């Protein structure tokens, strides 16, 4: 491997890790245009039982935008 290829590979790896470590816990759901396809955010708005948090995920792309899936998940399942 050349130096340039190794450097690009290392940068890509660090960028991937940064995305995995960045967990968004928000006080309210993001606006319709702010959630991308495949993105997951966690919303702590008090709508789930104790010990759980709402997970909002961009599920499918439609003509009107990204369809969301909302479910309550255990707080311990969030990777920080």
Protein backbone atom coordinates (compact mmCIF):
# COMPACT_ATOMS: atom_id res chain seq x y z
CA UNK A 1 0.00 0.00 0.00
CA UNK A 2 1.15 3.48 -0.72
CA UNK A 3 1.21 6.17 1.92
CA UNK A 4 -1.74 8.04 0.33
CA UNK A 5 -3.94 4.92 0.30
CA UNK A 6 -3.11 4.10 3.93
CA UNK A 7 -3.81 7.69 4.99
CA UNK A 8 -7.19 7.69 3.23
CA UNK A 9 -8.09 4.36 4.82
CA UNK A 10 -7.19 5.63 8.31
CA UNK A 11 -9.20 8.82 7.79
CA UNK A 12 -12.22 6.83 6.64
CA UNK A 13 -11.95 4.53 9.66
CA UNK A 14 -11.79 7.44 12.10
CA UNK A 15 -14.75 9.14 10.40
CA UNK A 16 -16.79 5.94 10.71
CA UNK A 17 -15.95 5.64 14.40
CA UNK A 18 -16.90 9.26 15.02
CA UNK A 19 -20.32 8.65 13.50
CA UNK A 20 -20.82 5.54 15.64
CA UNK A 21 -19.86 7.38 18.83
CA UNK A 22 -22.13 10.34 18.15
CA UNK A 23 -25.47 9.47 19.74
CA UNK A 24 -28.05 12.20 19.64
CA UNK A 25 -30.40 12.41 22.64
CA UNK A 26 -32.84 15.23 22.02
CA UNK A 27 -35.52 16.83 24.23
CA UNK A 28 -38.07 16.70 21.35
CA UNK A 29 -38.41 15.07 17.93
CA UNK A 30 -36.57 16.78 15.07
CA UNK A 31 -38.53 18.57 12.35
CA UNK A 32 -39.66 16.62 9.31
CA UNK A 33 -36.78 17.77 7.11
CA UNK A 34 -34.09 17.14 9.74
CA UNK A 35 -34.25 13.32 9.84
CA UNK A 36 -32.45 11.43 7.06
CA UNK A 37 -33.10 7.96 5.74
CA UNK A 38 -31.51 5.39 8.08
CA UNK A 39 -30.68 7.95 10.78
CA UNK A 40 -31.64 7.18 14.38
CA UNK A 41 -32.10 9.70 17.15
CA UNK A 42 -33.21 9.23 20.72
CA UNK A 43 -35.83 11.53 22.19
CA UNK A 44 -36.18 12.00 25.94
CA UNK A 45 -39.60 13.67 26.04
CA UNK A 46 -41.17 11.58 28.80
CA UNK A 47 -43.50 9.63 26.51
CA UNK A 48 -41.92 6.22 27.28
CA UNK A 49 -42.03 4.26 30.57
CA UNK A 50 -39.31 4.60 33.18
CA UNK A 51 -35.98 3.14 32.06
CA UNK A 52 -36.84 3.52 28.37
CA UNK A 53 -36.30 6.19 25.73
CA UNK A 54 -38.02 6.87 22.40
CA UNK A 55 -36.05 5.84 19.31
CA UNK A 56 -37.01 7.66 16.11
CA UNK A 57 -35.63 6.21 12.87
CA UNK A 58 -35.93 7.31 9.26
CA UNK A 59 -37.44 4.18 7.73
CA UNK A 60 -38.50 4.66 4.12
CA UNK A 61 -38.34 7.35 1.50
CA UNK A 62 -41.67 8.47 0.05
CA UNK A 63 -42.70 11.28 -2.26
CA UNK A 64 -43.54 13.44 0.77
CA UNK A 65 -40.27 12.75 2.60
CA UNK A 66 -38.83 10.23 5.04
CA UNK A 67 -41.28 8.03 6.95
CA UNK A 68 -40.45 7.61 10.64
CA UNK A 69 -40.66 4.65 12.96
CA UNK A 70 -41.05 5.41 16.66
CA UNK A 71 -40.53 2.86 19.42
CA UNK A 72 -39.53 2.78 23.07
CA UNK A 73 -36.21 1.03 23.75
CA UNK A 74 -34.23 0.36 26.92
CA UNK A 75 -31.86 3.16 27.84
CA UNK A 76 -29.10 0.60 28.30
CA UNK A 77 -29.32 -0.31 24.59
CA UNK A 78 -28.00 3.11 23.55
CA UNK A 79 -24.33 2.97 22.61
CA UNK A 80 -22.49 6.05 23.77
